[in-house]
mmCIF file of all heavy atoms, coordinates in Angstrom:
data_MODEL
# 
_entry.id   MODEL 
# 
loop_
_atom_site.group_PDB 
_atom_site.id 
_atom_site.type_symbol 
_atom_site.label_atom_id 
_atom_site.label_alt_id 
_atom_site.label_comp_id 
_atom_site.label_asym_id 
_atom_site.label_entity_id 
_atom_site.label_seq_id 
_atom_site.pdbx_PDB_ins_code 
_atom_site.Cartn_x 
_atom_site.Cartn_y 
_atom_site.Cartn_z 
_atom_site.occupancy 
_atom_site.B_iso_or_equiv 
_atom_site.pdbx_formal_charge 
_atom_site.auth_seq_id 
_atom_site.auth_comp_id 
_atom_site.auth_asym_id 
_atom_site.auth_atom_id 
_atom_site.pdbx_PDB_model_num 
ATOM 1   N N   . GLU A 1 1  ? 129.320 117.771 106.575 1.00 0.00 ? 1  GLU A N   1 
ATOM 2   C CA  . GLU A 1 1  ? 128.671 117.009 107.635 1.00 0.00 ? 1  GLU A CA  1 
ATOM 3   C C   . GLU A 1 1  ? 127.780 115.908 107.059 1.00 0.00 ? 1  GLU A C   1 
ATOM 4   O O   . GLU A 1 1  ? 127.748 114.784 107.577 1.00 0.00 ? 1  GLU A O   1 
ATOM 5   C CB  . GLU A 1 1  ? 127.840 117.951 108.513 1.00 0.00 ? 1  GLU A CB  1 
ATOM 6   C CG  . GLU A 1 1  ? 127.115 117.282 109.682 1.00 0.00 ? 1  GLU A CG  1 
ATOM 7   C CD  . GLU A 1 1  ? 128.057 116.703 110.723 1.00 0.00 ? 1  GLU A CD  1 
ATOM 8   O OE1 . GLU A 1 1  ? 129.269 116.990 110.675 1.00 0.00 ? 1  GLU A OE1 1 
ATOM 9   O OE2 . GLU A 1 1  ? 127.578 115.945 111.585 1.00 0.00 ? 1  GLU A OE2 1 
ATOM 10  N N   . SER A 1 2  ? 127.089 116.210 105.968 1.00 0.00 ? 2  SER A N   1 
ATOM 11  C CA  . SER A 1 2  ? 126.228 115.205 105.334 1.00 0.00 ? 2  SER A CA  1 
ATOM 12  C C   . SER A 1 2  ? 127.037 114.029 104.805 1.00 0.00 ? 2  SER A C   1 
ATOM 13  O O   . SER A 1 2  ? 126.667 112.862 104.982 1.00 0.00 ? 2  SER A O   1 
ATOM 14  C CB  . SER A 1 2  ? 125.428 115.844 104.195 1.00 0.00 ? 2  SER A CB  1 
ATOM 15  O OG  . SER A 1 2  ? 124.515 116.805 104.682 1.00 0.00 ? 2  SER A OG  1 
ATOM 16  N N   . PHE A 1 3  ? 128.158 114.321 104.155 1.00 0.00 ? 3  PHE A N   1 
ATOM 17  C CA  . PHE A 1 3  ? 129.010 113.238 103.658 1.00 0.00 ? 3  PHE A CA  1 
ATOM 18  C C   . PHE A 1 3  ? 129.635 112.467 104.824 1.00 0.00 ? 3  PHE A C   1 
ATOM 19  O O   . PHE A 1 3  ? 129.758 111.244 104.768 1.00 0.00 ? 3  PHE A O   1 
ATOM 20  C CB  . PHE A 1 3  ? 130.105 113.803 102.741 1.00 0.00 ? 3  PHE A CB  1 
ATOM 21  C CG  . PHE A 1 3  ? 129.640 114.062 101.334 1.00 0.00 ? 3  PHE A CG  1 
ATOM 22  C CD1 . PHE A 1 3  ? 129.324 115.345 100.915 1.00 0.00 ? 3  PHE A CD1 1 
ATOM 23  C CD2 . PHE A 1 3  ? 129.529 113.025 100.423 1.00 0.00 ? 3  PHE A CD2 1 
ATOM 24  C CE1 . PHE A 1 3  ? 128.900 115.594 99.614  1.00 0.00 ? 3  PHE A CE1 1 
ATOM 25  C CE2 . PHE A 1 3  ? 129.106 113.252 99.120  1.00 0.00 ? 3  PHE A CE2 1 
ATOM 26  C CZ  . PHE A 1 3  ? 128.785 114.542 98.715  1.00 0.00 ? 3  PHE A CZ  1 
ATOM 27  N N   . ARG A 1 4  ? 130.021 113.173 105.877 1.00 0.00 ? 4  ARG A N   1 
ATOM 28  C CA  . ARG A 1 4  ? 130.670 112.527 107.025 1.00 0.00 ? 4  ARG A CA  1 
ATOM 29  C C   . ARG A 1 4  ? 129.719 111.560 107.730 1.00 0.00 ? 4  ARG A C   1 
ATOM 30  O O   . ARG A 1 4  ? 130.116 110.472 108.154 1.00 0.00 ? 4  ARG A O   1 
ATOM 31  C CB  . ARG A 1 4  ? 131.167 113.584 108.007 1.00 0.00 ? 4  ARG A CB  1 
ATOM 32  C CG  . ARG A 1 4  ? 132.010 113.020 109.148 1.00 0.00 ? 4  ARG A CG  1 
ATOM 33  C CD  . ARG A 1 4  ? 132.308 114.064 110.207 1.00 0.00 ? 4  ARG A CD  1 
ATOM 34  N NE  . ARG A 1 4  ? 131.107 114.461 110.934 1.00 0.00 ? 4  ARG A NE  1 
ATOM 35  C CZ  . ARG A 1 4  ? 130.572 113.752 111.919 1.00 0.00 ? 4  ARG A CZ  1 
ATOM 36  N NH1 . ARG A 1 4  ? 131.118 112.601 112.300 1.00 0.00 ? 4  ARG A NH1 1 
ATOM 37  N NH2 . ARG A 1 4  ? 129.477 114.168 112.536 1.00 0.00 ? 4  ARG A NH2 1 
ATOM 38  N N   . THR A 1 5  ? 128.460 111.952 107.853 1.00 0.00 ? 5  THR A N   1 
ATOM 39  C CA  . THR A 1 5  ? 127.493 111.133 108.582 1.00 0.00 ? 5  THR A CA  1 
ATOM 40  C C   . THR A 1 5  ? 126.835 110.071 107.703 1.00 0.00 ? 5  THR A C   1 
ATOM 41  O O   . THR A 1 5  ? 126.053 109.250 108.191 1.00 0.00 ? 5  THR A O   1 
ATOM 42  C CB  . THR A 1 5  ? 126.392 112.014 109.197 1.00 0.00 ? 5  THR A CB  1 
ATOM 43  O OG1 . THR A 1 5  ? 125.729 112.748 108.149 1.00 0.00 ? 5  THR A OG1 1 
ATOM 44  C CG2 . THR A 1 5  ? 126.975 112.993 110.198 1.00 0.00 ? 5  THR A CG2 1 
ATOM 45  N N   . GLY A 1 6  ? 127.124 110.087 106.406 1.00 0.00 ? 6  GLY A N   1 
ATOM 46  C CA  . GLY A 1 6  ? 126.566 109.076 105.513 1.00 0.00 ? 6  GLY A CA  1 
ATOM 47  C C   . GLY A 1 6  ? 125.134 109.327 105.096 1.00 0.00 ? 6  GLY A C   1 
ATOM 48  O O   . GLY A 1 6  ? 124.450 108.408 104.637 1.00 0.00 ? 6  GLY A O   1 
ATOM 49  N N   . SER A 1 7  ? 124.668 110.563 105.224 1.00 0.00 ? 7  SER A N   1 
ATOM 50  C CA  . SER A 1 7  ? 123.284 110.864 104.844 1.00 0.00 ? 7  SER A CA  1 
ATOM 51  C C   . SER A 1 7  ? 123.146 111.168 103.357 1.00 0.00 ? 7  SER A C   1 
ATOM 52  O O   . SER A 1 7  ? 122.038 111.431 102.875 1.00 0.00 ? 7  SER A O   1 
ATOM 53  C CB  . SER A 1 7  ? 122.746 112.038 105.673 1.00 0.00 ? 7  SER A CB  1 
ATOM 54  O OG  . SER A 1 7  ? 123.530 113.199 105.493 1.00 0.00 ? 7  SER A OG  1 
ATOM 55  N N   . VAL A 1 8  ? 124.253 111.137 102.627 1.00 0.00 ? 8  VAL A N   1 
ATOM 56  C CA  . VAL A 1 8  ? 124.229 111.296 101.174 1.00 0.00 ? 8  VAL A CA  1 
ATOM 57  C C   . VAL A 1 8  ? 124.244 109.914 100.541 1.00 0.00 ? 8  VAL A C   1 
ATOM 58  O O   . VAL A 1 8  ? 125.086 109.072 100.878 1.00 0.00 ? 8  VAL A O   1 
ATOM 59  C CB  . VAL A 1 8  ? 125.445 112.108 100.684 1.00 0.00 ? 8  VAL A CB  1 
ATOM 60  C CG1 . VAL A 1 8  ? 125.436 112.230 99.172  1.00 0.00 ? 8  VAL A CG1 1 
ATOM 61  C CG2 . VAL A 1 8  ? 125.475 113.487 101.324 1.00 0.00 ? 8  VAL A CG2 1 
ATOM 62  N N   . THR A 1 9  ? 123.311 109.653 99.624  1.00 0.00 ? 9  THR A N   1 
ATOM 63  C CA  . THR A 1 9  ? 123.277 108.377 98.911  1.00 0.00 ? 9  THR A CA  1 
ATOM 64  C C   . THR A 1 9  ? 124.069 108.518 97.614  1.00 0.00 ? 9  THR A C   1 
ATOM 65  O O   . THR A 1 9  ? 123.743 109.346 96.768  1.00 0.00 ? 9  THR A O   1 
ATOM 66  C CB  . THR A 1 9  ? 121.835 107.951 98.594  1.00 0.00 ? 9  THR A CB  1 
ATOM 67  O OG1 . THR A 1 9  ? 121.110 107.818 99.817  1.00 0.00 ? 9  THR A OG1 1 
ATOM 68  C CG2 . THR A 1 9  ? 121.814 106.614 97.859  1.00 0.00 ? 9  THR A CG2 1 
ATOM 69  N N   . LYS A 1 10 ? 125.115 107.707 97.475  1.00 0.00 ? 10 LYS A N   1 
ATOM 70  C CA  . LYS A 1 10 ? 126.002 107.785 96.297  1.00 0.00 ? 10 LYS A CA  1 
ATOM 71  C C   . LYS A 1 10 ? 125.969 106.448 95.554  1.00 0.00 ? 10 LYS A C   1 
ATOM 72  O O   . LYS A 1 10 ? 126.246 105.406 96.144  1.00 0.00 ? 10 LYS A O   1 
ATOM 73  C CB  . LYS A 1 10 ? 127.439 108.088 96.741  1.00 0.00 ? 10 LYS A CB  1 
ATOM 74  C CG  . LYS A 1 10 ? 127.614 109.433 97.421  1.00 0.00 ? 10 LYS A CG  1 
ATOM 75  C CD  . LYS A 1 10 ? 129.007 109.591 98.015  1.00 0.00 ? 10 LYS A CD  1 
ATOM 76  C CE  . LYS A 1 10 ? 129.169 108.736 99.253  1.00 0.00 ? 10 LYS A CE  1 
ATOM 77  N NZ  . LYS A 1 10 ? 130.487 108.925 99.903  1.00 0.00 ? 10 LYS A NZ  1 
ATOM 78  N N   . LYS A 1 11 ? 125.620 106.504 94.287  1.00 0.00 ? 11 LYS A N   1 
ATOM 79  C CA  . LYS A 1 11 ? 125.614 105.301 93.469  1.00 0.00 ? 11 LYS A CA  1 
ATOM 80  C C   . LYS A 1 11 ? 126.563 105.469 92.282  1.00 0.00 ? 11 LYS A C   1 
ATOM 81  O O   . LYS A 1 11 ? 126.573 106.514 91.630  1.00 0.00 ? 11 LYS A O   1 
ATOM 82  C CB  . LYS A 1 11 ? 124.203 104.974 92.985  1.00 0.00 ? 11 LYS A CB  1 
ATOM 83  C CG  . LYS A 1 11 ? 123.283 104.556 94.136  1.00 0.00 ? 11 LYS A CG  1 
ATOM 84  C CD  . LYS A 1 11 ? 121.953 104.039 93.646  1.00 0.00 ? 11 LYS A CD  1 
ATOM 85  C CE  . LYS A 1 11 ? 121.084 103.578 94.822  1.00 0.00 ? 11 LYS A CE  1 
ATOM 86  N NZ  . LYS A 1 11 ? 119.785 103.045 94.378  1.00 0.00 ? 11 LYS A NZ  1 
ATOM 87  N N   . TYR A 1 12 ? 127.346 104.428 92.060  1.00 0.00 ? 12 TYR A N   1 
ATOM 88  C CA  . TYR A 1 12 ? 128.329 104.411 90.985  1.00 0.00 ? 12 TYR A CA  1 
ATOM 89  C C   . TYR A 1 12 ? 127.981 103.304 89.998  1.00 0.00 ? 12 TYR A C   1 
ATOM 90  O O   . TYR A 1 12 ? 127.396 102.285 90.375  1.00 0.00 ? 12 TYR A O   1 
ATOM 91  C CB  . TYR A 1 12 ? 129.723 104.135 91.539  1.00 0.00 ? 12 TYR A CB  1 
ATOM 92  C CG  . TYR A 1 12 ? 130.320 105.251 92.363  1.00 0.00 ? 12 TYR A CG  1 
ATOM 93  C CD1 . TYR A 1 12 ? 129.832 105.538 93.639  1.00 0.00 ? 12 TYR A CD1 1 
ATOM 94  C CD2 . TYR A 1 12 ? 131.389 106.005 91.891  1.00 0.00 ? 12 TYR A CD2 1 
ATOM 95  C CE1 . TYR A 1 12 ? 130.388 106.556 94.406  1.00 0.00 ? 12 TYR A CE1 1 
ATOM 96  C CE2 . TYR A 1 12 ? 131.957 107.023 92.658  1.00 0.00 ? 12 TYR A CE2 1 
ATOM 97  C CZ  . TYR A 1 12 ? 131.449 107.290 93.906  1.00 0.00 ? 12 TYR A CZ  1 
ATOM 98  O OH  . TYR A 1 12 ? 131.989 108.293 94.673  1.00 0.00 ? 12 TYR A OH  1 
ATOM 99  N N   . TRP A 1 13 ? 128.380 103.490 88.746  1.00 0.00 ? 13 TRP A N   1 
ATOM 100 C CA  . TRP A 1 13 ? 128.283 102.424 87.757  1.00 0.00 ? 13 TRP A CA  1 
ATOM 101 C C   . TRP A 1 13 ? 129.689 101.993 87.397  1.00 0.00 ? 13 TRP A C   1 
ATOM 102 O O   . TRP A 1 13 ? 130.554 102.827 87.108  1.00 0.00 ? 13 TRP A O   1 
ATOM 103 C CB  . TRP A 1 13 ? 127.528 102.893 86.515  1.00 0.00 ? 13 TRP A CB  1 
ATOM 104 C CG  . TRP A 1 13 ? 126.036 102.883 86.690  1.00 0.00 ? 13 TRP A CG  1 
ATOM 105 C CD1 . TRP A 1 13 ? 125.338 102.774 87.858  1.00 0.00 ? 13 TRP A CD1 1 
ATOM 106 C CD2 . TRP A 1 13 ? 125.055 102.993 85.657  1.00 0.00 ? 13 TRP A CD2 1 
ATOM 107 N NE1 . TRP A 1 13 ? 123.986 102.803 87.625  1.00 0.00 ? 13 TRP A NE1 1 
ATOM 108 C CE2 . TRP A 1 13 ? 123.782 102.941 86.278  1.00 0.00 ? 13 TRP A CE2 1 
ATOM 109 C CE3 . TRP A 1 13 ? 125.128 103.131 84.284  1.00 0.00 ? 13 TRP A CE3 1 
ATOM 110 C CZ2 . TRP A 1 13 ? 122.586 103.018 85.553  1.00 0.00 ? 13 TRP A CZ2 1 
ATOM 111 C CZ3 . TRP A 1 13 ? 123.941 103.214 83.554  1.00 0.00 ? 13 TRP A CZ3 1 
ATOM 112 C CH2 . TRP A 1 13 ? 122.684 103.153 84.193  1.00 0.00 ? 13 TRP A CH2 1 
ATOM 113 N N   . ALA A 1 14 ? 129.904 100.688 87.418  1.00 0.00 ? 14 ALA A N   1 
ATOM 114 C CA  . ALA A 1 14 ? 131.205 100.120 87.065  1.00 0.00 ? 14 ALA A CA  1 
ATOM 115 C C   . ALA A 1 14 ? 131.022 99.147  85.903  1.00 0.00 ? 14 ALA A C   1 
ATOM 116 O O   . ALA A 1 14 ? 130.171 98.249  85.966  1.00 0.00 ? 14 ALA A O   1 
ATOM 117 C CB  . ALA A 1 14 ? 131.800 99.393  88.271  1.00 0.00 ? 14 ALA A CB  1 
ATOM 118 N N   . LEU A 1 15 ? 131.799 99.347  84.858  1.00 0.00 ? 15 LEU A N   1 
ATOM 119 C CA  . LEU A 1 15 ? 131.794 98.440  83.719  1.00 0.00 ? 15 LEU A CA  1 
ATOM 120 C C   . LEU A 1 15 ? 132.934 97.454  83.932  1.00 0.00 ? 15 LEU A C   1 
ATOM 121 O O   . LEU A 1 15 ? 134.103 97.839  83.937  1.00 0.00 ? 15 LEU A O   1 
ATOM 122 C CB  . LEU A 1 15 ? 131.974 99.225  82.422  1.00 0.00 ? 15 LEU A CB  1 
ATOM 123 C CG  . LEU A 1 15 ? 131.681 98.499  81.111  1.00 0.00 ? 15 LEU A CG  1 
ATOM 124 C CD1 . LEU A 1 15 ? 130.254 97.959  81.085  1.00 0.00 ? 15 LEU A CD1 1 
ATOM 125 C CD2 . LEU A 1 15 ? 131.925 99.424  79.929  1.00 0.00 ? 15 LEU A CD2 1 
ATOM 126 N N   . CYS A 1 16 ? 132.577 96.197  84.154  1.00 0.00 ? 16 CYS A N   1 
ATOM 127 C CA  . CYS A 1 16 ? 133.562 95.206  84.593  1.00 0.00 ? 16 CYS A CA  1 
ATOM 128 C C   . CYS A 1 16 ? 133.842 94.155  83.520  1.00 0.00 ? 16 CYS A C   1 
ATOM 129 O O   . CYS A 1 16 ? 133.021 93.902  82.636  1.00 0.00 ? 16 CYS A O   1 
ATOM 130 C CB  . CYS A 1 16 ? 133.080 94.517  85.866  1.00 0.00 ? 16 CYS A CB  1 
ATOM 131 S SG  . CYS A 1 16 ? 132.953 95.650  87.282  1.00 0.00 ? 16 CYS A SG  1 
ATOM 132 N N   . CYS A 1 17 ? 135.010 93.538  83.639  1.00 0.00 ? 17 CYS A N   1 
ATOM 133 C CA  . CYS A 1 17 ? 135.426 92.521  82.681  1.00 0.00 ? 17 CYS A CA  1 
ATOM 134 C C   . CYS A 1 17 ? 134.746 91.180  82.940  1.00 0.00 ? 17 CYS A C   1 
ATOM 135 O O   . CYS A 1 17 ? 134.713 90.325  82.058  1.00 0.00 ? 17 CYS A O   1 
ATOM 136 C CB  . CYS A 1 17 ? 136.946 92.345  82.748  1.00 0.00 ? 17 CYS A CB  1 
ATOM 137 S SG  . CYS A 1 17 ? 137.882 93.860  82.428  1.00 0.00 ? 17 CYS A SG  1 
ATOM 138 N N   . GLU A 1 18 ? 134.237 90.985  84.154  1.00 0.00 ? 18 GLU A N   1 
ATOM 139 C CA  . GLU A 1 18 ? 133.591 89.726  84.517  1.00 0.00 ? 18 GLU A CA  1 
ATOM 140 C C   . GLU A 1 18 ? 132.215 89.995  85.125  1.00 0.00 ? 18 GLU A C   1 
ATOM 141 O O   . GLU A 1 18 ? 131.996 91.024  85.759  1.00 0.00 ? 18 GLU A O   1 
ATOM 142 C CB  . GLU A 1 18 ? 134.440 88.950  85.535  1.00 0.00 ? 18 GLU A CB  1 
ATOM 143 C CG  . GLU A 1 18 ? 135.857 88.642  85.073  1.00 0.00 ? 18 GLU A CG  1 
ATOM 144 C CD  . GLU A 1 18 ? 136.846 89.759  85.415  1.00 0.00 ? 18 GLU A CD  1 
ATOM 145 O OE1 . GLU A 1 18 ? 136.450 90.729  86.098  1.00 0.00 ? 18 GLU A OE1 1 
ATOM 146 O OE2 . GLU A 1 18 ? 138.007 89.663  84.976  1.00 0.00 ? 18 GLU A OE2 1 
ATOM 147 N N   . LYS A 1 19 ? 131.322 89.040  84.941  1.00 0.00 ? 19 LYS A N   1 
ATOM 148 C CA  . LYS A 1 19 ? 129.997 89.131  85.544  1.00 0.00 ? 19 LYS A CA  1 
ATOM 149 C C   . LYS A 1 19 ? 130.066 88.613  86.973  1.00 0.00 ? 19 LYS A C   1 
ATOM 150 O O   . LYS A 1 19 ? 130.726 87.598  87.237  1.00 0.00 ? 19 LYS A O   1 
ATOM 151 C CB  . LYS A 1 19 ? 129.001 88.294  84.731  1.00 0.00 ? 19 LYS A CB  1 
ATOM 152 C CG  . LYS A 1 19 ? 127.555 88.428  85.158  1.00 0.00 ? 19 LYS A CG  1 
ATOM 153 C CD  . LYS A 1 19 ? 126.649 87.635  84.216  1.00 0.00 ? 19 LYS A CD  1 
ATOM 154 C CE  . LYS A 1 19 ? 125.191 87.757  84.616  1.00 0.00 ? 19 LYS A CE  1 
ATOM 155 N NZ  . LYS A 1 19 ? 124.305 87.003  83.686  1.00 0.00 ? 19 LYS A NZ  1 
ATOM 156 N N   . PRO A 1 20 ? 129.416 89.293  87.934  1.00 0.00 ? 20 PRO A N   1 
ATOM 157 C CA  . PRO A 1 20 ? 129.486 88.798  89.316  1.00 0.00 ? 20 PRO A CA  1 
ATOM 158 C C   . PRO A 1 20 ? 128.800 87.447  89.462  1.00 0.00 ? 20 PRO A C   1 
ATOM 159 O O   . PRO A 1 20 ? 127.822 87.148  88.785  1.00 0.00 ? 20 PRO A O   1 
ATOM 160 C CB  . PRO A 1 20 ? 128.754 89.885  90.113  1.00 0.00 ? 20 PRO A CB  1 
ATOM 161 C CG  . PRO A 1 20 ? 127.874 90.575  89.120  1.00 0.00 ? 20 PRO A CG  1 
ATOM 162 C CD  . PRO A 1 20 ? 128.609 90.516  87.813  1.00 0.00 ? 20 PRO A CD  1 
ATOM 163 N N   . GLU A 1 21 ? 129.326 86.624  90.352  1.00 0.00 ? 21 GLU A N   1 
ATOM 164 C CA  . GLU A 1 21 ? 128.767 85.297  90.574  1.00 0.00 ? 21 GLU A CA  1 
ATOM 165 C C   . GLU A 1 21 ? 127.339 85.386  91.090  1.00 0.00 ? 21 GLU A C   1 
ATOM 166 O O   . GLU A 1 21 ? 126.467 84.622  90.687  1.00 0.00 ? 21 GLU A O   1 
ATOM 167 C CB  . GLU A 1 21 ? 129.650 84.550  91.584  1.00 0.00 ? 21 GLU A CB  1 
ATOM 168 C CG  . GLU A 1 21 ? 129.300 83.096  91.745  1.00 0.00 ? 21 GLU A CG  1 
ATOM 169 C CD  . GLU A 1 21 ? 130.297 82.373  92.637  1.00 0.00 ? 21 GLU A CD  1 
ATOM 170 O OE1 . GLU A 1 21 ? 131.509 82.555  92.444  1.00 0.00 ? 21 GLU A OE1 1 
ATOM 171 O OE2 . GLU A 1 21 ? 129.840 81.641  93.532  1.00 0.00 ? 21 GLU A OE2 1 
ATOM 172 N N   . LYS A 1 22 ? 127.095 86.351  91.984  1.00 0.00 ? 22 LYS A N   1 
ATOM 173 C CA  . LYS A 1 22 ? 125.750 86.610  92.489  1.00 0.00 ? 22 LYS A CA  1 
ATOM 174 C C   . LYS A 1 22 ? 125.242 87.910  91.880  1.00 0.00 ? 22 LYS A C   1 
ATOM 175 O O   . LYS A 1 22 ? 126.007 88.867  91.723  1.00 0.00 ? 22 LYS A O   1 
ATOM 176 C CB  . LYS A 1 22 ? 125.766 86.716  94.015  1.00 0.00 ? 22 LYS A CB  1 
ATOM 177 C CG  . LYS A 1 22 ? 126.191 85.435  94.716  1.00 0.00 ? 22 LYS A CG  1 
ATOM 178 C CD  . LYS A 1 22 ? 126.205 85.614  96.224  1.00 0.00 ? 22 LYS A CD  1 
ATOM 179 C CE  . LYS A 1 22 ? 126.637 84.335  96.930  1.00 0.00 ? 22 LYS A CE  1 
ATOM 180 N NZ  . LYS A 1 22 ? 126.672 84.519  98.405  1.00 0.00 ? 22 LYS A NZ  1 
ATOM 181 N N   . PRO A 1 23 ? 123.950 88.003  91.545  1.00 0.00 ? 23 PRO A N   1 
ATOM 182 C CA  . PRO A 1 23 ? 123.436 89.202  90.883  1.00 0.00 ? 23 PRO A CA  1 
ATOM 183 C C   . PRO A 1 23 ? 123.428 90.447  91.759  1.00 0.00 ? 23 PRO A C   1 
ATOM 184 O O   . PRO A 1 23 ? 123.254 91.560  91.255  1.00 0.00 ? 23 PRO A O   1 
ATOM 185 C CB  . PRO A 1 23 ? 122.015 88.808  90.480  1.00 0.00 ? 23 PRO A CB  1 
ATOM 186 C CG  . PRO A 1 23 ? 121.640 87.710  91.421  1.00 0.00 ? 23 PRO A CG  1 
ATOM 187 C CD  . PRO A 1 23 ? 122.908 86.966  91.700  1.00 0.00 ? 23 PRO A CD  1 
ATOM 188 N N   . GLY A 1 24 ? 123.578 90.280  93.032  1.00 0.00 ? 24 GLY A N   1 
ATOM 189 C CA  . GLY A 1 24 ? 123.601 91.427  93.934  1.00 0.00 ? 24 GLY A CA  1 
ATOM 190 C C   . GLY A 1 24 ? 124.018 90.983  95.320  1.00 0.00 ? 24 GLY A C   1 
ATOM 191 O O   . GLY A 1 24 ? 124.058 89.789  95.631  1.00 0.00 ? 24 GLY A O   1 
ATOM 192 N N   . GLY A 1 25 ? 124.364 91.978  96.134  1.00 0.00 ? 25 GLY A N   1 
ATOM 193 C CA  . GLY A 1 25 ? 124.752 91.611  97.487  1.00 0.00 ? 25 GLY A CA  1 
ATOM 194 C C   . GLY A 1 25 ? 125.368 92.765  98.248  1.00 0.00 ? 25 GLY A C   1 
ATOM 195 O O   . GLY A 1 25 ? 125.425 93.906  97.766  1.00 0.00 ? 25 GLY A O   1 
ATOM 196 N N   . HIS A 1 26 ? 125.818 92.435  99.446  1.00 0.00 ? 26 HIS A N   1 
ATOM 197 C CA  . HIS A 1 26 ? 126.445 93.403  100.336 1.00 0.00 ? 26 HIS A CA  1 
ATOM 198 C C   . HIS A 1 26 ? 127.869 92.943  100.613 1.00 0.00 ? 26 HIS A C   1 
ATOM 199 O O   . HIS A 1 26 ? 128.087 91.770  100.940 1.00 0.00 ? 26 HIS A O   1 
ATOM 200 C CB  . HIS A 1 26 ? 125.659 93.497  101.651 1.00 0.00 ? 26 HIS A CB  1 
ATOM 201 C CG  . HIS A 1 26 ? 126.281 94.386  102.682 1.00 0.00 ? 26 HIS A CG  1 
ATOM 202 N ND1 . HIS A 1 26 ? 126.209 95.759  102.622 1.00 0.00 ? 26 HIS A ND1 1 
ATOM 203 C CD2 . HIS A 1 26 ? 126.999 94.089  103.804 1.00 0.00 ? 26 HIS A CD2 1 
ATOM 204 C CE1 . HIS A 1 26 ? 126.851 96.274  103.670 1.00 0.00 ? 26 HIS A CE1 1 
ATOM 205 N NE2 . HIS A 1 26 ? 127.335 95.287  104.395 1.00 0.00 ? 26 HIS A NE2 1 
ATOM 206 N N   . LEU A 1 27 ? 128.833 93.849  100.460 1.00 0.00 ? 27 LEU A N   1 
ATOM 207 C CA  . LEU A 1 27 ? 130.228 93.506  100.708 1.00 0.00 ? 27 LEU A CA  1 
ATOM 208 C C   . LEU A 1 27 ? 130.758 94.292  101.896 1.00 0.00 ? 27 LEU A C   1 
ATOM 209 O O   . LEU A 1 27 ? 130.552 95.507  101.992 1.00 0.00 ? 27 LEU A O   1 
ATOM 210 C CB  . LEU A 1 27 ? 131.093 93.821  99.478  1.00 0.00 ? 27 LEU A CB  1 
ATOM 211 C CG  . LEU A 1 27 ? 130.754 93.111  98.164  1.00 0.00 ? 27 LEU A CG  1 
ATOM 212 C CD1 . LEU A 1 27 ? 131.727 93.549  97.076  1.00 0.00 ? 27 LEU A CD1 1 
ATOM 213 C CD2 . LEU A 1 27 ? 130.772 91.597  98.340  1.00 0.00 ? 27 LEU A CD2 1 
ATOM 214 N N   . GLU A 1 28 ? 131.424 93.584  102.792 1.00 0.00 ? 28 GLU A N   1 
ATOM 215 C CA  . GLU A 1 28 ? 132.135 94.212  103.898 1.00 0.00 ? 28 GLU A CA  1 
ATOM 216 C C   . GLU A 1 28 ? 133.545 93.637  103.938 1.00 0.00 ? 28 GLU A C   1 
ATOM 217 O O   . GLU A 1 28 ? 133.722 92.423  104.009 1.00 0.00 ? 28 GLU A O   1 
ATOM 218 C CB  . GLU A 1 28 ? 131.442 93.971  105.240 1.00 0.00 ? 28 GLU A CB  1 
ATOM 219 C CG  . GLU A 1 28 ? 130.117 94.703  105.380 1.00 0.00 ? 28 GLU A CG  1 
ATOM 220 C CD  . GLU A 1 28 ? 129.603 94.723  106.824 1.00 0.00 ? 28 GLU A CD  1 
ATOM 221 O OE1 . GLU A 1 28 ? 130.394 94.383  107.737 1.00 0.00 ? 28 GLU A OE1 1 
ATOM 222 O OE2 . GLU A 1 28 ? 128.429 95.073  107.016 1.00 0.00 ? 28 GLU A OE2 1 
ATOM 223 N N   . ASN A 1 29 ? 134.530 94.516  103.831 1.00 0.00 ? 29 ASN A N   1 
ATOM 224 C CA  . ASN A 1 29 ? 135.927 94.096  103.871 1.00 0.00 ? 29 ASN A CA  1 
ATOM 225 C C   . ASN A 1 29 ? 136.736 95.096  104.679 1.00 0.00 ? 29 ASN A C   1 
ATOM 226 O O   . ASN A 1 29 ? 136.393 96.283  104.742 1.00 0.00 ? 29 ASN A O   1 
ATOM 227 C CB  . ASN A 1 29 ? 136.528 94.026  102.457 1.00 0.00 ? 29 ASN A CB  1 
ATOM 228 C CG  . ASN A 1 29 ? 135.800 93.068  101.537 1.00 0.00 ? 29 ASN A CG  1 
ATOM 229 O OD1 . ASN A 1 29 ? 135.038 93.497  100.684 1.00 0.00 ? 29 ASN A OD1 1 
ATOM 230 N ND2 . ASN A 1 29 ? 136.028 91.776  101.695 1.00 0.00 ? 29 ASN A ND2 1 
ATOM 231 N N   . TRP A 1 30 ? 137.818 94.606  105.261 1.00 0.00 ? 30 TRP A N   1 
ATOM 232 C CA  . TRP A 1 30 ? 138.779 95.500  105.915 1.00 0.00 ? 30 TRP A CA  1 
ATOM 233 C C   . TRP A 1 30 ? 139.844 95.845  104.884 1.00 0.00 ? 30 TRP A C   1 
ATOM 234 O O   . TRP A 1 30 ? 140.440 94.956  104.270 1.00 0.00 ? 30 TRP A O   1 
ATOM 235 C CB  . TRP A 1 30 ? 139.379 94.825  107.142 1.00 0.00 ? 30 TRP A CB  1 
ATOM 236 C CG  . TRP A 1 30 ? 138.365 94.706  108.248 1.00 0.00 ? 30 TRP A CG  1 
ATOM 237 C CD1 . TRP A 1 30 ? 137.470 93.699  108.445 1.00 0.00 ? 30 TRP A CD1 1 
ATOM 238 C CD2 . TRP A 1 30 ? 138.126 95.658  109.278 1.00 0.00 ? 30 TRP A CD2 1 
ATOM 239 N NE1 . TRP A 1 30 ? 136.684 93.951  109.532 1.00 0.00 ? 30 TRP A NE1 1 
ATOM 240 C CE2 . TRP A 1 30 ? 137.061 95.149  110.080 1.00 0.00 ? 30 TRP A CE2 1 
ATOM 241 C CE3 . TRP A 1 30 ? 138.695 96.892  109.629 1.00 0.00 ? 30 TRP A CE3 1 
ATOM 242 C CZ2 . TRP A 1 30 ? 136.561 95.834  111.192 1.00 0.00 ? 30 TRP A CZ2 1 
ATOM 243 C CZ3 . TRP A 1 30 ? 138.204 97.573  110.731 1.00 0.00 ? 30 TRP A CZ3 1 
ATOM 244 C CH2 . TRP A 1 30 ? 137.145 97.053  111.500 1.00 0.00 ? 30 TRP A CH2 1 
ATOM 245 N N   . LEU A 1 31 ? 140.070 97.136  104.678 1.00 0.00 ? 31 LEU A N   1 
ATOM 246 C CA  . LEU A 1 31 ? 141.023 97.601  103.669 1.00 0.00 ? 31 LEU A CA  1 
ATOM 247 C C   . LEU A 1 31 ? 142.222 98.267  104.319 1.00 0.00 ? 31 LEU A C   1 
ATOM 248 O O   . LEU A 1 31 ? 142.083 99.057  105.260 1.00 0.00 ? 31 LEU A O   1 
ATOM 249 C CB  . LEU A 1 31 ? 140.357 98.597  102.706 1.00 0.00 ? 31 LEU A CB  1 
ATOM 250 C CG  . LEU A 1 31 ? 139.126 98.122  101.926 1.00 0.00 ? 31 LEU A CG  1 
ATOM 251 C CD1 . LEU A 1 31 ? 138.719 99.174  100.910 1.00 0.00 ? 31 LEU A CD1 1 
ATOM 252 C CD2 . LEU A 1 31 ? 139.377 96.781  101.249 1.00 0.00 ? 31 LEU A CD2 1 
# 
């Protein structure tokens, strides 16, 4: 129920080949 309702805060680290154009932000996409 906690995962379903989004009350769990999950943070991931990604090691990427490119540096993001902006240092931070919010992404919303339809997948």
